[in-house]
Amino acid sequence: MEYSLTSGGKRIRPVLLLSAGGAVGGDEKEMLPFACAVEYIHTYSLIH
């Protein structure tokens, strides 16, 4: 499981979330936990 979380990859989902949030004036520090959650959910779906 550690490998799947720490290996390289595009990580496009969190980048899109942060970009979209920035486009509407969101604070990156407030959005970061949500961006991480999106990536964790995706990783879980691959492992499970």
PDB file of N, CA and C in Angstrom:
ATOM      1  N   MET A   1       0.828  -1.187   0.000  1.00  0.00           N
ATOM      2  CA  MET A   1       0.000   0.000   0.000  1.00  0.00           C
ATOM      3  C   MET A   1       0.875   1.255   0.000  1.00  0.00           C
ATOM      4  N   GLU A   2       1.948   1.239   0.759  1.00  0.00           N
ATOM      5  CA  GLU A   2       2.836   2.408   0.779  1.00  0.00           C
ATOM      6  C   GLU A   2       3.355   2.716  -0.618  1.00  0.00           C
ATOM      7  N   TYR A   3       3.688   1.664  -1.358  1.00  0.00           N
ATOM      8  CA  TYR A   3       4.181   1.867  -2.724  1.00  0.00           C
ATOM      9  C   TYR A   3       3.157   2.605  -3.572  1.00  0.00           C
ATOM     10  N   SER A   4       1.906   2.227  -3.457  1.00  0.00           N
ATOM     11  CA  SER A   4       0.879   2.848  -4.291  1.00  0.00           C
ATOM     12  C   SER A   4       0.661   4.316  -3.937  1.00  0.00           C
ATOM     13  N   LEU A   5       0.936   4.689  -2.689  1.00  0.00           N
ATOM     14  CA  LEU A   5       0.766   6.081  -2.277  1.00  0.00           C
ATOM     15  C   LEU A   5       1.996   6.932  -2.558  1.00  0.00           C
ATOM     16  N   THR A   6       3.175   6.313  -2.580  1.00  0.00           N
ATOM     17  CA  THR A   6       4.406   7.099  -2.715  1.00  0.00           C
ATOM     18  C   THR A   6       5.065   6.980  -4.075  1.00  0.00           C
ATOM     19  N   SER A   7       4.582   6.093  -4.926  1.00  0.00           N
ATOM     20  CA  SER A   7       5.198   5.948  -6.241  1.00  0.00           C
ATOM     21  C   SER A   7       4.850   7.148  -7.116  1.00  0.00           C
ATOM     22  N   GLY A   8       5.642   7.331  -8.137  1.00  0.00           N
ATOM     23  CA  GLY A   8       5.404   8.445  -9.047  1.00  0.00           C
ATOM     24  C   GLY A   8       4.120   8.262  -9.831  1.00  0.00           C
ATOM     25  N   GLY A   9       3.655   9.313 -10.368  1.00  0.00           N
ATOM     26  CA  GLY A   9       2.437   9.273 -11.171  1.00  0.00           C
ATOM     27  C   GLY A   9       2.034  10.674 -11.566  1.00  0.00           C
ATOM     28  N   LYS A  10       1.032  10.763 -12.378  1.00  0.00           N
ATOM     29  CA  LYS A  10       0.598  12.069 -12.870  1.00  0.00           C
ATOM     30  C   LYS A  10      -0.046  12.915 -11.780  1.00  0.00           C
ATOM     31  N   ARG A  11      -0.821  12.290 -10.921  1.00  0.00           N
ATOM     32  CA  ARG A  11      -1.538  12.995  -9.851  1.00  0.00           C
ATOM     33  C   ARG A  11      -2.371  14.145 -10.414  1.00  0.00           C
ATOM     34  N   ILE A  12      -3.024  13.880 -11.535  1.00  0.00           N
ATOM     35  CA  ILE A  12      -3.789  14.921 -12.222  1.00  0.00           C
ATOM     36  C   ILE A  12      -5.039  15.330 -11.449  1.00  0.00           C
ATOM     37  N   ARG A  13      -5.641  14.407 -10.708  1.00  0.00           N
ATOM     38  CA  ARG A  13      -6.872  14.727  -9.981  1.00  0.00           C
ATOM     39  C   ARG A  13      -6.660  15.839  -8.953  1.00  0.00           C
ATOM     40  N   PRO A  14      -5.669  15.750  -8.077  1.00  0.00           N
ATOM     41  CA  PRO A  14      -5.484  16.844  -7.117  1.00  0.00           C
ATOM     42  C   PRO A  14      -5.077  18.156  -7.785  1.00  0.00           C
ATOM     43  N   VAL A  15      -4.291  18.061  -8.847  1.00  0.00           N
ATOM     44  CA  VAL A  15      -3.879  19.275  -9.554  1.00  0.00           C
ATOM     45  C   VAL A  15      -5.097  19.969 -10.163  1.00  0.00           C
ATOM     46  N   LEU A  16      -5.998  19.185 -10.742  1.00  0.00           N
ATOM     47  CA  LEU A  16      -7.220  19.769 -11.302  1.00  0.00           C
ATOM     48  C   LEU A  16      -8.071  20.428 -10.220  1.00  0.00           C
ATOM     49  N   LEU A  17      -8.187  19.764  -9.079  1.00  0.00           N
ATOM     50  CA  LEU A  17      -8.973  20.329  -7.987  1.00  0.00           C
ATOM     51  C   LEU A  17      -8.367  21.648  -7.516  1.00  0.00           C
ATOM     52  N   LEU A  18      -7.052  21.686  -7.328  1.00  0.00           N
ATOM     53  CA  LEU A  18      -6.398  22.913  -6.878  1.00  0.00           C
ATOM     54  C   LEU A  18      -6.491  24.012  -7.933  1.00  0.00           C
ATOM     55  N   SER A  19      -6.367  23.645  -9.193  1.00  0.00           N
ATOM     56  CA  SER A  19      -6.469  24.635 -10.274  1.00  0.00           C
ATOM     57  C   SER A  19      -7.877  25.217 -10.360  1.00  0.00           C
ATOM     58  N   ALA A  20      -8.869  24.345 -10.269  1.00  0.00           N
ATOM     59  CA  ALA A  20     -10.258  24.812 -10.323  1.00  0.00           C
ATOM     60  C   ALA A  20     -10.569  25.705  -9.125  1.00  0.00           C
ATOM     61  N   GLY A  21     -10.105  25.309  -7.968  1.00  0.00           N
ATOM     62  CA  GLY A  21     -10.327  26.128  -6.781  1.00  0.00           C
ATOM     63  C   GLY A  21      -9.635  27.474  -6.875  1.00  0.00           C
ATOM     64  N   GLY A  22      -8.413  27.466  -7.414  1.00  0.00           N
ATOM     65  CA  GLY A  22      -7.691  28.721  -7.599  1.00  0.00           C
ATOM     66  C   GLY A  22      -8.375  29.635  -8.605  1.00  0.00           C
ATOM     67  N   ALA A  23      -9.002  29.046  -9.607  1.00  0.00           N
ATOM     68  CA  ALA A  23      -9.684  29.831 -10.637  1.00  0.00           C
ATOM     69  C   ALA A  23     -10.885  30.587 -10.082  1.00  0.00           C
ATOM     70  N   VAL A  24     -11.476  30.071  -9.019  1.00  0.00           N
ATOM     71  CA  VAL A  24     -12.635  30.746  -8.427  1.00  0.00           C
ATOM     72  C   VAL A  24     -12.271  31.476  -7.136  1.00  0.00           C
ATOM     73  N   GLY A  25     -10.968  31.647  -6.909  1.00  0.00           N
ATOM     74  CA  GLY A  25     -10.519  32.437  -5.768  1.00  0.00           C
ATOM     75  C   GLY A  25     -10.363  31.678  -4.472  1.00  0.00           C
ATOM     76  N   GLY A  26     -10.292  30.358  -4.531  1.00  0.00           N
ATOM     77  CA  GLY A  26     -10.129  29.559  -3.316  1.00  0.00           C
ATOM     78  C   GLY A  26      -8.720  29.631  -2.753  1.00  0.00           C
ATOM     79  N   ASP A  27      -8.596  29.353  -1.485  1.00  0.00           N
ATOM     80  CA  ASP A  27      -7.301  29.345  -0.804  1.00  0.00           C
ATOM     81  C   ASP A  27      -6.696  27.948  -0.903  1.00  0.00           C
ATOM     82  N   GLU A  28      -5.478  27.867  -1.429  1.00  0.00           N
ATOM     83  CA  GLU A  28      -4.839  26.567  -1.649  1.00  0.00           C
ATOM     84  C   GLU A  28      -4.676  25.784  -0.351  1.00  0.00           C
ATOM     85  N   LYS A  29      -4.369  26.459   0.741  1.00  0.00           N
ATOM     86  CA  LYS A  29      -4.193  25.756   2.018  1.00  0.00           C
ATOM     87  C   LYS A  29      -5.495  25.110   2.482  1.00  0.00           C
ATOM     88  N   GLU A  30      -6.613  25.742   2.186  1.00  0.00           N
ATOM     89  CA  GLU A  30      -7.906  25.173   2.575  1.00  0.00           C
ATOM     90  C   GLU A  30      -8.320  24.028   1.659  1.00  0.00           C
ATOM     91  N   MET A  31      -7.886  24.068   0.406  1.00  0.00           N
ATOM     92  CA  MET A  31      -8.273  23.039  -0.565  1.00  0.00           C
ATOM     93  C   MET A  31      -7.378  21.810  -0.520  1.00  0.00           C
ATOM     94  N   LEU A  32      -6.183  21.939   0.024  1.00  0.00           N
ATOM     95  CA  LEU A  32      -5.213  20.845  -0.002  1.00  0.00           C
ATOM     96  C   LEU A  32      -5.736  19.549   0.619  1.00  0.00           C
ATOM     97  N   PRO A  33      -6.407  19.581   1.772  1.00  0.00           N
ATOM     98  CA  PRO A  33      -6.941  18.319   2.312  1.00  0.00           C
ATOM     99  C   PRO A  33      -7.935  17.636   1.368  1.00  0.00           C
ATOM    100  N   PHE A  34      -8.723  18.418   0.654  1.00  0.00           N
ATOM    101  CA  PHE A  34      -9.680  17.844  -0.298  1.00  0.00           C
ATOM    102  C   PHE A  34      -8.958  17.233  -1.496  1.00  0.00           C
ATOM    103  N   ALA A  35      -7.900  17.900  -1.947  1.00  0.00           N
ATOM    104  CA  ALA A  35      -7.112  17.364  -3.060  1.00  0.00           C
ATOM    105  C   ALA A  35      -6.463  16.042  -2.659  1.00  0.00           C
ATOM    106  N   CYS A  36      -5.955  15.973  -1.442  1.00  0.00           N
ATOM    107  CA  CYS A  36      -5.364  14.722  -0.947  1.00  0.00           C
ATOM    108  C   CYS A  36      -6.425  13.637  -0.830  1.00  0.00           C
ATOM    109  N   ALA A  37      -7.595  14.009  -0.351  1.00  0.00           N
ATOM    110  CA  ALA A  37      -8.676  13.028  -0.199  1.00  0.00           C
ATOM    111  C   ALA A  37      -9.075  12.434  -1.543  1.00  0.00           C
ATOM    112  N   VAL A  38      -9.135  13.260  -2.571  1.00  0.00           N
ATOM    113  CA  VAL A  38      -9.477  12.766  -3.907  1.00  0.00           C
ATOM    114  C   VAL A  38      -8.456  11.735  -4.359  1.00  0.00           C
ATOM    115  N   GLU A  39      -7.186  12.013  -4.136  1.00  0.00           N
ATOM    116  CA  GLU A  39      -6.140  11.076  -4.558  1.00  0.00           C
ATOM    117  C   GLU A  39      -6.179   9.797  -3.723  1.00  0.00           C
ATOM    118  N   TYR A  40      -6.426   9.916  -2.427  1.00  0.00           N
ATOM    119  CA  TYR A  40      -6.525   8.724  -1.575  1.00  0.00           C
ATOM    120  C   TYR A  40      -7.699   7.842  -1.999  1.00  0.00           C
ATOM    121  N   ILE A  41      -8.822   8.459  -2.317  1.00  0.00           N
ATOM    122  CA  ILE A  41      -9.986   7.682  -2.753  1.00  0.00           C
ATOM    123  C   ILE A  41      -9.680   6.960  -4.056  1.00  0.00           C
ATOM    124  N   HIS A  42      -9.026   7.644  -4.961  1.00  0.00           N
ATOM    125  CA  HIS A  42      -8.655   7.001  -6.226  1.00  0.00           C
ATOM    126  C   HIS A  42      -7.698   5.836  -5.976  1.00  0.00           C
ATOM    127  N   THR A  43      -6.699   6.048  -5.133  1.00  0.00           N
ATOM    128  CA  THR A  43      -5.736   4.984  -4.825  1.00  0.00           C
ATOM    129  C   THR A  43      -6.440   3.803  -4.170  1.00  0.00           C
ATOM    130  N   TYR A  44      -7.366   4.083  -3.262  1.00  0.00           N
ATOM    131  CA  TYR A  44      -8.131   3.015  -2.618  1.00  0.00           C
ATOM    132  C   TYR A  44      -8.894   2.203  -3.660  1.00  0.00           C
ATOM    133  N   SER A  45      -9.482   2.901  -4.627  1.00  0.00           N
ATOM    134  CA  SER A  45     -10.263   2.185  -5.642  1.00  0.00           C
ATOM    135  C   SER A  45      -9.378   1.267  -6.476  1.00  0.00           C
ATOM    136  N   LEU A  46      -8.118   1.613  -6.644  1.00  0.00           N
ATOM    137  CA  LEU A  46      -7.195   0.757  -7.389  1.00  0.00           C
ATOM    138  C   LEU A  46      -6.755  -0.451  -6.564  1.00  0.00           C
ATOM    139  N   ILE A  47      -6.579  -0.246  -5.266  1.00  0.00           N
ATOM    140  CA  ILE A  47      -6.115  -1.327  -4.387  1.00  0.00           C
ATOM    141  C   ILE A  47      -7.251  -2.296  -4.087  1.00  0.00           C
ATOM    142  N   HIS A  48      -8.410  -1.756  -3.822  1.00  0.00           N
ATOM    143  CA  HIS A  48      -9.552  -2.566  -3.423  1.00  0.00           C
ATOM    144  C   HIS A  48     -10.066  -3.305  -4.623  1.00  0.00           C
TER     145      HIS A  48
END
